[in-house]
C-alpha atoms as a PDB file:
ATOM      1  CA  UNK A   1      14.870  17.515  21.529  1.00  0.00           C
ATOM      2  CA  UNK A   2      14.888  14.866  18.791  1.00  0.00           C
ATOM      3  CA  UNK A   3      13.528  15.569  15.313  1.00  0.00           C
ATOM      4  CA  UNK A   4      10.604  13.272  16.067  1.00  0.00           C
ATOM      5  CA  UNK A   5       9.808  15.140  19.280  1.00  0.00           C
ATOM      6  CA  UNK A   6       9.998  18.460  17.446  1.00  0.00           C
ATOM      7  CA  UNK A   7       7.619  17.198  14.782  1.00  0.00           C
ATOM      8  CA  UNK A   8       5.176  15.892  17.387  1.00  0.00           C
ATOM      9  CA  UNK A   9       5.265  19.266  19.140  1.00  0.00           C
ATOM     10  CA  UNK A  10       4.352  20.976  15.862  1.00  0.00           C
ATOM     11  CA  UNK A  11       1.559  18.466  15.276  1.00  0.00           C
ATOM     12  CA  UNK A  12       0.067  19.302  18.676  1.00  0.00           C
ATOM     13  CA  UNK A  13       0.440  23.046  18.068  1.00  0.00           C
ATOM     14  CA  UNK A  14      -1.365  22.738  14.747  1.00  0.00           C
ATOM     15  CA  UNK A  15      -4.156  20.779  16.417  1.00  0.00           C
ATOM     16  CA  UNK A  16      -4.502  23.418  19.130  1.00  0.00           C
ATOM     17  CA  UNK A  17      -4.920  26.109  16.467  1.00  0.00           C
ATOM     18  CA  UNK A  18      -8.141  24.415  15.324  1.00  0.00           C
ATOM     19  CA  UNK A  19      -9.450  23.893  18.847  1.00  0.00           C
ATOM     20  CA  UNK A  20      -8.088  20.450  19.714  1.00  0.00           C
ATOM     21  CA  UNK A  21      -6.627  21.018  23.176  1.00  0.00           C
ATOM     22  CA  UNK A  22      -5.322  18.842  26.016  1.00  0.00           C
ATOM     23  CA  UNK A  23      -4.306  16.121  23.591  1.00  0.00           C
ATOM     24  CA  UNK A  24      -2.655  12.922  24.774  1.00  0.00           C
ATOM     25  CA  UNK A  25      -0.754  11.741  21.662  1.00  0.00           C
ATOM     26  CA  UNK A  26      -0.665   7.972  21.166  1.00  0.00           C
ATOM     27  CA  UNK A  27       1.686   6.698  18.464  1.00  0.00           C
ATOM     28  CA  UNK A  28       0.037   3.935  16.438  1.00  0.00           C
ATOM     29  CA  UNK A  29       2.837   3.432  13.917  1.00  0.00           C
ATOM     30  CA  UNK A  30       5.918   5.105  12.497  1.00  0.00           C
ATOM     31  CA  UNK A  31       6.992   3.908   9.062  1.00  0.00           C
ATOM     32  CA  UNK A  32       6.656   5.877   5.850  1.00  0.00           C
ATOM     33  CA  UNK A  33       3.958   7.781   7.715  1.00  0.00           C
ATOM     34  CA  UNK A  34       3.739   8.597  11.395  1.00  0.00           C
ATOM     35  CA  UNK A  35       0.256   7.738  12.669  1.00  0.00           C
ATOM     36  CA  UNK A  36      -0.827   9.471  15.895  1.00  0.00           C
ATOM     37  CA  UNK A  37      -4.129   9.117  17.739  1.00  0.00           C
ATOM     38  CA  UNK A  38      -4.997  12.554  19.104  1.00  0.00           C
ATOM     39  CA  UNK A  39      -6.695  11.208  22.235  1.00  0.00           C
ATOM     40  CA  UNK A  40      -9.233  11.846  23.650  1.00  0.00           C
ATOM     41  CA  UNK A  41     -10.568  12.954  20.249  1.00  0.00           C
ATOM     42  CA  UNK A  42     -11.669  10.310  17.704  1.00  0.00           C
ATOM     43  CA  UNK A  43      -9.075  11.710  15.312  1.00  0.00           C
ATOM     44  CA  UNK A  44      -5.877  10.260  13.881  1.00  0.00           C
ATOM     45  CA  UNK A  45      -3.133  12.430  12.409  1.00  0.00           C
ATOM     46  CA  UNK A  46      -1.454  10.845   9.395  1.00  0.00           C
ATOM     47  CA  UNK A  47       1.899  12.573   8.947  1.00  0.00           C
ATOM     48  CA  UNK A  48       3.747  11.972   5.679  1.00  0.00           C
ATOM     49  CA  UNK A  49       7.266  12.175   7.054  1.00  0.00           C
ATOM     50  CA  UNK A  50       9.233  10.415   4.318  1.00  0.00           C
ATOM     51  CA  UNK A  51       7.624  11.777   1.151  1.00  0.00           C
ATOM     52  CA  UNK A  52       7.417  15.295   2.627  1.00  0.00           C
ATOM     53  CA  UNK A  53      11.165  15.189   3.171  1.00  0.00           C
ATOM     54  CA  UNK A  54      11.759  13.991  -0.390  1.00  0.00           C
ATOM     55  CA  UNK A  55       9.330  16.358  -2.143  1.00  0.00           C
ATOM     56  CA  UNK A  56       6.918  18.500  -0.134  1.00  0.00           C
ATOM     57  CA  UNK A  57       4.804  19.584  -3.127  1.00  0.00           C
ATOM     58  CA  UNK A  58       4.384  15.975  -4.209  1.00  0.00           C
ATOM     59  CA  UNK A  59       3.472  14.972  -0.648  1.00  0.00           C
ATOM     60  CA  UNK A  60       0.694  17.572  -0.572  1.00  0.00           C
ATOM     61  CA  UNK A  61      -0.701  16.274  -3.863  1.00  0.00           C
ATOM     62  CA  UNK A  62      -0.645  12.663  -2.644  1.00  0.00           C
ATOM     63  CA  UNK A  63      -2.377  13.443   0.659  1.00  0.00           C
ATOM     64  CA  UNK A  64      -5.003  15.656  -0.957  1.00  0.00           C
ATOM     65  CA  UNK A  65      -5.803  12.972  -3.535  1.00  0.00           C
ATOM     66  CA  UNK A  66      -5.938  10.308  -0.826  1.00  0.00           C
ATOM     67  CA  UNK A  67      -8.763  12.203   0.879  1.00  0.00           C
ATOM     68  CA  UNK A  68     -10.687  12.441  -2.397  1.00  0.00           C
ATOM     69  CA  UNK A  69     -10.237   8.733  -3.105  1.00  0.00           C
ATOM     70  CA  UNK A  70     -11.577   7.770   0.331  1.00  0.00           C
ATOM     71  CA  UNK A  71     -14.642   9.989  -0.104  1.00  0.00           C
ATOM     72  CA  UNK A  72     -15.245   8.633  -3.605  1.00  0.00           C
ATOM     73  CA  UNK A  73     -15.094   5.043  -2.375  1.00  0.00           C
ATOM     74  CA  UNK A  74     -17.482   5.856   0.460  1.00  0.00           C
ATOM     75  CA  UNK A  75     -19.926   7.300  -2.081  1.00  0.00           C
ATOM     76  CA  UNK A  76     -19.807   3.949  -3.901  1.00  0.00           C
ATOM     77  CA  UNK A  77     -20.598   2.001  -0.744  1.00  0.00           C
ATOM     78  CA  UNK A  78     -17.081   0.666  -0.203  1.00  0.00           C
ATOM     79  CA  UNK A  79     -16.091   0.159   3.462  1.00  0.00           C
ATOM     80  CA  UNK A  80     -13.175   2.539   3.972  1.00  0.00           C
ATOM     81  CA  UNK A  81     -11.378   4.475   6.665  1.00  0.00           C
ATOM     82  CA  UNK A  82     -12.795   7.981   6.317  1.00  0.00           C
ATOM     83  CA  UNK A  83     -11.270  11.438   6.625  1.00  0.00           C
ATOM     84  CA  UNK A  84     -12.117  13.013   9.957  1.00  0.00           C
ATOM     85  CA  UNK A  85     -15.683  14.244  10.273  1.00  0.00           C
ATOM     86  CA  UNK A  86     -14.855  16.073  13.504  1.00  0.00           C
ATOM     87  CA  UNK A  87     -12.638  18.711  11.912  1.00  0.00           C
ATOM     88  CA  UNK A  88     -11.382  19.778   8.499  1.00  0.00           C
ATOM     89  CA  UNK A  89      -9.338  16.810   7.265  1.00  0.00           C
ATOM     90  CA  UNK A  90      -7.434  18.824   4.620  1.00  0.00           C
ATOM     91  CA  UNK A  91      -3.631  18.614   4.365  1.00  0.00           C
ATOM     92  CA  UNK A  92      -1.909  20.775   6.989  1.00  0.00           C
ATOM     93  CA  UNK A  93       1.628  22.100   6.687  1.00  0.00           C
ATOM     94  CA  UNK A  94       3.403  21.119   9.899  1.00  0.00           C
ATOM     95  CA  UNK A  95       6.783  22.797   9.609  1.00  0.00           C
ATOM     96  CA  UNK A  96       7.314  21.536   6.063  1.00  0.00           C
ATOM     97  CA  UNK A  97       5.756  18.117   6.675  1.00  0.00           C
ATOM     98  CA  UNK A  98       2.224  17.450   5.428  1.00  0.00           C
ATOM     99  CA  UNK A  99      -0.472  15.960   7.643  1.00  0.00           C
ATOM    100  CA  UNK A 100      -4.122  14.930   7.257  1.00  0.00           C
ATOM    101  CA  UNK A 101      -6.804  13.988   9.791  1.00  0.00           C
ATOM    102  CA  UNK A 102      -8.724  10.699   9.717  1.00  0.00           C
ATOM    103  CA  UNK A 103     -11.358   9.057  11.874  1.00  0.00           C
ATOM    104  CA  UNK A 104      -9.978   6.977  14.723  1.00  0.00           C
ATOM    105  CA  UNK A 105     -10.987   3.319  14.581  1.00  0.00           C
ATOM    106  CA  UNK A 106     -10.771   1.596  17.978  1.00  0.00           C
ATOM    107  CA  UNK A 107      -9.010  -1.776  17.919  1.00  0.00           C
ATOM    108  CA  UNK A 108     -11.337  -4.756  17.648  1.00  0.00           C
ATOM    109  CA  UNK A 109     -10.896  -8.483  17.152  1.00  0.00           C
ATOM    110  CA  UNK A 110     -12.524  -9.925  14.035  1.00  0.00           C
ATOM    111  CA  UNK A 111     -12.386 -13.394  12.570  1.00  0.00           C
ATOM    112  CA  UNK A 112     -10.099 -13.362   9.509  1.00  0.00           C
ATOM    113  CA  UNK A 113     -12.149 -12.835   6.355  1.00  0.00           C
ATOM    114  CA  UNK A 114     -12.910 -15.954   4.350  1.00  0.00           C
ATOM    115  CA  UNK A 115     -11.635 -16.346   0.798  1.00  0.00           C
ATOM    116  CA  UNK A 116     -15.028 -15.358  -0.609  1.00  0.00           C
ATOM    117  CA  UNK A 117     -15.166 -12.319   1.678  1.00  0.00           C
ATOM    118  CA  UNK A 118     -11.664 -11.252   0.645  1.00  0.00           C
ATOM    119  CA  UNK A 119     -12.448 -11.570  -3.051  1.00  0.00           C
ATOM    120  CA  UNK A 120     -15.725  -9.715  -2.572  1.00  0.00           C
ATOM    121  CA  UNK A 121     -13.967  -6.848  -0.808  1.00  0.00           C
ATOM    122  CA  UNK A 122     -11.290  -6.639  -3.497  1.00  0.00           C
ATOM    123  CA  UNK A 123     -13.704  -6.918  -6.415  1.00  0.00           C
ATOM    124  CA  UNK A 124     -15.989  -4.179  -5.087  1.00  0.00           C
ATOM    125  CA  UNK A 125     -12.969  -1.977  -4.434  1.00  0.00           C
ATOM    126  CA  UNK A 126     -11.683  -2.519  -7.969  1.00  0.00           C
ATOM    127  CA  UNK A 127     -15.069  -1.762  -9.560  1.00  0.00           C
ATOM    128  CA  UNK A 128     -15.427   1.438  -7.519  1.00  0.00           C
ATOM    129  CA  UNK A 129     -11.916   2.589  -8.451  1.00  0.00           C
ATOM    130  CA  UNK A 130     -12.871   2.346 -12.132  1.00  0.00           C
ATOM    131  CA  UNK A 131     -15.289   5.252 -11.566  1.00  0.00           C
ATOM    132  CA  UNK A 132     -12.742   7.561  -9.920  1.00  0.00           C
ATOM    133  CA  UNK A 133     -12.631  10.509 -12.307  1.00  0.00           C
ATOM    134  CA  UNK A 134      -9.431  12.255 -11.196  1.00  0.00           C
ATOM    135  CA  UNK A 135      -6.254  11.672 -13.172  1.00  0.00           C
ATOM    136  CA  UNK A 136      -4.145   8.863 -11.758  1.00  0.00           C
ATOM    137  CA  UNK A 137      -0.410   8.325 -12.267  1.00  0.00           C
ATOM    138  CA  UNK A 138       0.527   5.673 -14.806  1.00  0.00           C
ATOM    139  CA  UNK A 139       2.371   2.922 -12.890  1.00  0.00           C
ATOM    140  CA  UNK A 140       2.653   5.358  -9.981  1.00  0.00           C
ATOM    141  CA  UNK A 141       3.284   2.828  -7.214  1.00  0.00           C
ATOM    142  CA  UNK A 142       5.593   0.848  -9.530  1.00  0.00           C
ATOM    143  CA  UNK A 143       7.744   3.910 -10.232  1.00  0.00           C
ATOM    144  CA  UNK A 144       8.637   4.042  -6.538  1.00  0.00           C
ATOM    145  CA  UNK A 145      10.162   0.591  -6.905  1.00  0.00           C
ATOM    146  CA  UNK A 146      12.062   1.701  -9.998  1.00  0.00           C
ATOM    147  CA  UNK A 147      13.807   4.256  -7.791  1.00  0.00           C
ATOM    148  CA  UNK A 148      14.479   1.551  -5.200  1.00  0.00           C
ATOM    149  CA  UNK A 149      15.980  -0.664  -7.911  1.00  0.00           C
ATOM    150  CA  UNK A 150      18.412   2.083  -8.889  1.00  0.00           C
ATOM    151  CA  UNK A 151      19.609   2.422  -5.291  1.00  0.00           C
ATOM    152  CA  UNK A 152      19.921  -1.343  -4.822  1.00  0.00           C
ATOM    153  CA  UNK A 153      22.284  -1.697  -7.793  1.00  0.00           C
ATOM    154  CA  UNK A 154      25.115  -0.722  -5.453  1.00  0.00           C
ATOM    155  CA  UNK A 155      24.708  -3.898  -3.367  1.00  0.00           C
ATOM    156  CA  UNK A 156      26.843  -6.888  -4.354  1.00  0.00           C
ATOM    157  CA  UNK A 157      24.526  -9.516  -2.816  1.00  0.00           C
ATOM    158  CA  UNK A 158      23.904 -11.924  -5.690  1.00  0.00           C
ATOM    159  CA  UNK A 159      20.320 -12.495  -4.582  1.00  0.00           C
ATOM    160  CA  UNK A 160      19.611  -8.782  -4.980  1.00  0.00           C
ATOM    161  CA  UNK A 161      21.315  -8.683  -8.369  1.00  0.00           C
ATOM    162  CA  UNK A 162      19.278 -11.667  -9.578  1.00  0.00           C
ATOM    163  CA  UNK A 163      16.018 -10.005  -8.553  1.00  0.00           C
ATOM    164  CA  UNK A 164      17.089  -6.764 -10.219  1.00  0.00           C
ATOM    165  CA  UNK A 165      17.547  -8.624 -13.510  1.00  0.00           C
ATOM    166  CA  UNK A 166      14.045 -10.056 -13.136  1.00  0.00           C
ATOM    167  CA  UNK A 167      12.766  -6.593 -12.310  1.00  0.00           C
ATOM    168  CA  UNK A 168      14.193  -5.089 -15.503  1.00  0.00           C
ATOM    169  CA  UNK A 169      12.405  -7.723 -17.590  1.00  0.00           C
ATOM    170  CA  UNK A 170       9.097  -7.236 -15.769  1.00  0.00           C
ATOM    171  CA  UNK A 171       9.438  -3.449 -15.994  1.00  0.00           C
ATOM    172  CA  UNK A 172       9.832  -3.635 -19.771  1.00  0.00           C
ATOM    173  CA  UNK A 173       6.752  -5.833 -20.079  1.00  0.00           C
ATOM    174  CA  UNK A 174       4.777  -3.557 -17.739  1.00  0.00           C
ATOM    175  CA  UNK A 175       5.151  -0.650 -20.173  1.00  0.00           C
ATOM    176  CA  UNK A 176       4.258  -2.424 -23.425  1.00  0.00           C
ATOM    177  CA  UNK A 177       0.510  -1.684 -23.438  1.00  0.00           C
ATOM    178  CA  UNK A 178      -0.232   1.311 -21.172  1.00  0.00           C
ATOM    179  CA  UNK A 179      -3.761   1.547 -22.597  1.00  0.00           C
ATOM    180  CA  UNK A 180      -4.628  -1.691 -20.777  1.00  0.00           C
ATOM    181  CA  UNK A 181      -3.764  -0.349 -17.320  1.00  0.00           C
ATOM    182  CA  UNK A 182      -6.694   0.130 -14.924  1.00  0.00           C
ATOM    183  CA  UNK A 183      -7.329   2.259 -11.802  1.00  0.00           C
ATOM    184  CA  UNK A 184      -6.185   0.409  -8.680  1.00  0.00           C
ATOM    185  CA  UNK A 185      -5.824   0.937  -4.946  1.00  0.00           C
ATOM    186  CA  UNK A 186      -2.160   0.211  -5.648  1.00  0.00           C
ATOM    187  CA  UNK A 187      -1.212  -1.262  -2.277  1.00  0.00           C
ATOM    188  CA  UNK A 188      -4.185  -3.422  -1.271  1.00  0.00           C
ATOM    189  CA  UNK A 189      -2.242  -5.843   0.928  1.00  0.00           C
ATOM    190  CA  UNK A 190      -3.749  -7.546   3.950  1.00  0.00           C
ATOM    191  CA  UNK A 191      -2.401  -4.997   6.452  1.00  0.00           C
ATOM    192  CA  UNK A 192      -4.336  -2.263   4.641  1.00  0.00           C
ATOM    193  CA  UNK A 193      -7.584  -4.077   5.432  1.00  0.00           C
ATOM    194  CA  UNK A 194      -8.376  -2.776   8.899  1.00  0.00           C
ATOM    195  CA  UNK A 195     -10.680  -4.446  11.465  1.00  0.00           C
ATOM    196  CA  UNK A 196     -13.314  -2.019  12.719  1.00  0.00           C
ATOM    197  CA  UNK A 197     -16.557  -2.171  14.728  1.00  0.00           C
ATOM    198  CA  UNK A 198     -18.369  -2.072  11.353  1.00  0.00           C
ATOM    199  CA  UNK A 199     -16.281  -4.897   9.880  1.00  0.00           C
ATOM    200  CA  UNK A 200     -13.271  -4.891   7.578  1.00  0.00           C
ATOM    201  CA  UNK A 201     -12.441  -1.527   5.988  1.00  0.00           C
ATOM    202  CA  UNK A 202      -9.848  -0.425   3.439  1.00  0.00           C
ATOM    203  CA  UNK A 203      -7.235   2.158   4.310  1.00  0.00           C
ATOM    204  CA  UNK A 204      -4.083   3.822   2.885  1.00  0.00           C
ATOM    205  CA  UNK A 205      -4.932   5.252  -0.536  1.00  0.00           C
ATOM    206  CA  UNK A 206      -1.713   7.135  -1.238  1.00  0.00           C
ATOM    207  CA  UNK A 207      -0.574   4.670  -3.937  1.00  0.00           C
ATOM    208  CA  UNK A 208      -3.655   4.754  -6.191  1.00  0.00           C
ATOM    209  CA  UNK A 209      -2.358   4.249  -9.731  1.00  0.00           C
ATOM    210  CA  UNK A 210      -3.088   2.898 -13.184  1.00  0.00           C
ATOM    211  CA  UNK A 211      -1.761  -0.655 -12.988  1.00  0.00           C
ATOM    212  CA  UNK A 212      -2.070  -4.016 -14.800  1.00  0.00           C
ATOM    213  CA  UNK A 213      -5.074  -6.312 -14.454  1.00  0.00           C
ATOM    214  CA  UNK A 214      -5.258  -8.313 -11.209  1.00  0.00           C
ATOM    215  CA  UNK A 215      -2.985  -5.814  -9.435  1.00  0.00           C
ATOM    216  CA  UNK A 216      -5.103  -5.311  -6.328  1.00  0.00           C
ATOM    217  CA  UNK A 217      -5.801  -9.003  -5.792  1.00  0.00           C
ATOM    218  CA  UNK A 218      -2.101  -9.715  -6.388  1.00  0.00           C
ATOM    219  CA  UNK A 219      -1.257  -7.066  -3.801  1.00  0.00           C
ATOM    220  CA  UNK A 220      -3.449  -8.822  -1.265  1.00  0.00           C
ATOM    221  CA  UNK A 221      -2.289 -12.364  -1.898  1.00  0.00           C
ATOM    222  CA  UNK A 222       1.387 -12.014  -2.883  1.00  0.00           C
ATOM    223  CA  UNK A 223       3.073 -11.949   0.526  1.00  0.00           C
ATOM    224  CA  UNK A 224       0.543 -14.423   1.915  1.00  0.00           C
ATOM    225  CA  UNK A 225       1.455 -16.991  -0.725  1.00  0.00           C
ATOM    226  CA  UNK A 226       5.169 -16.118  -0.550  1.00  0.00           C
ATOM    227  CA  UNK A 227       5.311 -16.876   3.179  1.00  0.00           C
ATOM    228  CA  UNK A 228       2.639 -19.577   3.433  1.00  0.00           C
ATOM    229  CA  UNK A 229       3.173 -21.490   0.204  1.00  0.00           C
ATOM    230  CA  UNK A 230       1.073 -22.201  -2.859  1.00  0.00           C
ATOM    231  CA  UNK A 231      -1.709 -23.784  -0.796  1.00  0.00           C
ATOM    232  CA  UNK A 232      -2.648 -20.324   0.525  1.00  0.00           C
ATOM    233  CA  UNK A 233      -6.480 -20.355   0.213  1.00  0.00           C
ATOM    234  CA  UNK A 234      -7.092 -17.178  -1.809  1.00  0.00           C
ATOM    235  CA  UNK A 235      -4.272 -17.917  -4.246  1.00  0.00           C
ATOM    236  CA  UNK A 236      -5.400 -21.535  -4.624  1.00  0.00           C
ATOM    237  CA  UNK A 237      -8.989 -20.472  -5.277  1.00  0.00           C
ATOM    238  CA  UNK A 238      -7.962 -17.982  -7.968  1.00  0.00           C
ATOM    239  CA  UNK A 239      -5.595 -20.450  -9.612  1.00  0.00           C
ATOM    240  CA  UNK A 240      -8.379 -23.018  -9.786  1.00  0.00           C
ATOM    241  CA  UNK A 241     -11.100 -20.682 -11.045  1.00  0.00           C
ATOM    242  CA  UNK A 242      -9.280 -18.583 -13.655  1.00  0.00           C
ATOM    243  CA  UNK A 243     -10.099 -20.480 -16.846  1.00  0.00           C
ATOM    244  CA  UNK A 244      -8.792 -18.199 -19.585  1.00  0.00           C
ATOM    245  CA  UNK A 245      -5.125 -18.775 -20.409  1.00  0.00           C
ATOM    246  CA  UNK A 246      -4.640 -15.055 -21.052  1.00  0.00           C
ATOM    247  CA  UNK A 247      -6.206 -14.173 -17.686  1.00  0.00           C
ATOM    248  CA  UNK A 248      -4.081 -16.799 -15.944  1.00  0.00           C
ATOM    249  CA  UNK A 249      -0.974 -15.330 -17.553  1.00  0.00           C
ATOM    250  CA  UNK A 250      -2.021 -11.831 -16.469  1.00  0.00           C
ATOM    251  CA  UNK A 251      -2.611 -13.071 -12.913  1.00  0.00           C
ATOM    252  CA  UNK A 252       0.816 -14.736 -12.808  1.00  0.00           C
ATOM    253  CA  UNK A 253       2.443 -11.587 -14.151  1.00  0.00           C
ATOM    254  CA  UNK A 254       0.735  -9.429 -11.517  1.00  0.00           C
ATOM    255  CA  UNK A 255       1.851 -11.779  -8.717  1.00  0.00           C
ATOM    256  CA  UNK A 256       5.433 -11.770 -10.033  1.00  0.00           C
ATOM    257  CA  UNK A 257       5.555  -7.993 -10.354  1.00  0.00           C
ATOM    258  CA  UNK A 258       3.918  -7.420  -6.970  1.00  0.00           C
ATOM    259  CA  UNK A 259       6.335  -9.718  -5.139  1.00  0.00           C
ATOM    260  CA  UNK A 260       9.319  -8.081  -6.817  1.00  0.00           C
ATOM    261  CA  UNK A 261       7.932  -4.670  -5.903  1.00  0.00           C
ATOM    262  CA  UNK A 262       7.374  -5.646  -2.288  1.00  0.00           C
ATOM    263  CA  UNK A 263      10.733  -7.380  -1.858  1.00  0.00           C
ATOM    264  CA  UNK A 264      12.877  -4.709  -3.504  1.00  0.00           C
ATOM    265  CA  UNK A 265      10.904  -1.812  -2.039  1.00  0.00           C
ATOM    266  CA  UNK A 266      10.959  -3.185   1.502  1.00  0.00           C
ATOM    267  CA  UNK A 267      14.646  -4.021   1.224  1.00  0.00           C
ATOM    268  CA  UNK A 268      15.526  -0.527   0.006  1.00  0.00           C
ATOM    269  CA  UNK A 269      13.383   1.014   2.743  1.00  0.00           C
ATOM    270  CA  UNK A 270      14.968  -1.149   5.449  1.00  0.00           C
ATOM    271  CA  UNK A 271      18.543  -0.633   4.284  1.00  0.00           C
ATOM    272  CA  UNK A 272      17.981   3.121   4.396  1.00  0.00           C
ATOM    273  CA  UNK A 273      17.037   2.794   8.070  1.00  0.00           C
ATOM    274  CA  UNK A 274      13.258   3.182   7.821  1.00  0.00           C
ATOM    275  CA  UNK A 275      11.815  -0.330   7.581  1.00  0.00           C
ATOM    276  CA  UNK A 276      11.862  -3.850   8.981  1.00  0.00           C
ATOM    277  CA  UNK A 277      15.158  -5.392   7.855  1.00  0.00           C
ATOM    278  CA  UNK A 278      14.339  -8.839   9.260  1.00  0.00           C
ATOM    279  CA  UNK A 279      11.101  -9.004   7.254  1.00  0.00           C
ATOM    280  CA  UNK A 280      12.746  -7.667   4.093  1.00  0.00           C
ATOM    281  CA  UNK A 281      15.602 -10.161   4.403  1.00  0.00           C
ATOM    282  CA  UNK A 282      13.150 -13.032   4.759  1.00  0.00           C
ATOM    283  CA  UNK A 283      11.398 -11.882   1.577  1.00  0.00           C
ATOM    284  CA  UNK A 284      14.765 -11.775  -0.180  1.00  0.00           C
ATOM    285  CA  UNK A 285      15.536 -15.339   0.908  1.00  0.00           C
ATOM    286  CA  UNK A 286      12.254 -16.667  -0.499  1.00  0.00           C
ATOM    287  CA  UNK A 287      11.559 -14.658  -3.640  1.00  0.00           C
ATOM    288  CA  UNK A 288      13.854 -16.135  -6.311  1.00  0.00           C
ATOM    289  CA  UNK A 289      12.825 -19.766  -5.752  1.00  0.00           C
ATOM    290  CA  UNK A 290       9.186 -18.790  -5.314  1.00  0.00           C
ATOM    291  CA  UNK A 291       9.028 -16.937  -8.639  1.00  0.00           C
ATOM    292  CA  UNK A 292      10.675 -19.861 -10.408  1.00  0.00           C
ATOM    293  CA  UNK A 293       8.033 -22.230  -8.998  1.00  0.00           C
ATOM    294  CA  UNK A 294       5.262 -19.769  -9.861  1.00  0.00           C
ATOM    295  CA  UNK A 295       6.333 -19.709 -13.509  1.00  0.00           C
ATOM    296  CA  UNK A 296       6.226 -23.501 -13.563  1.00  0.00           C
ATOM    297  CA  UNK A 297       2.769 -23.663 -11.952  1.00  0.00           C
ATOM    298  CA  UNK A 298       1.286 -21.073 -14.321  1.00  0.00           C
ATOM    299  CA  UNK A 299       2.916 -22.773 -17.301  1.00  0.00           C
ATOM    300  CA  UNK A 300       1.475 -26.174 -16.394  1.00  0.00           C
ATOM    301  CA  UNK A 301      -2.050 -24.923 -15.659  1.00  0.00           C
END
């Protein structure tokens, strides 16, 4: 029996202990977390395979906080994926791997959100995060990329080395004024905006952190503009409507940092055998030239 099969068996045993029997497990995804629909129940098991392996105590803390963040955002009227209301959603120890339960959202087709809808969703999310009272890690999601950068130093690919030099410079700037960091979702990219019967809802709150201004909107737009060019609608709208030179500089910095984080993090993840190497390689091919053009565009604005 493979390690994955053993883990799934333990997941089902844990579910049976709380009365969830005759489950037909349906794998929805398997990346940093394994996501399993426990059919026929409207429950999804979110299993933190990678971070539990690295540090089980830390994984518990992350998953427990993620539940609190989701409930806080719901209390503020933010559309979010909610912890399961059919059973206790708390973190469960599944043979040393931590798991939580979330509501199952059936797949639906929605029209892509317009630029104004996207910005409304992000702005309301950001405002609600400001009221989250629990302590958040300073640069928490960024620190993960710092560890990726250390591992990537061993690769001789000049493109990687060039991005690592950029990363060091951005990292230094990121730490200059920690008092200006604000509570953020941390990883508010487009794939973490989930279509549901009630409309678009936010998901995946494990990376909530204190981050620079514009971080969440940069998270949403960075890969879209990297792959689709500077005419990407949300990026273009923001570039046109940010009037303050200091705000424009902060926006450009957040985009730069977020693209470096995504490219280096995805590359490290893929090279370690866990991620999408084709996608990460495409990011690597685009990032250096893109960031050079971004600096020029921000400088000329």
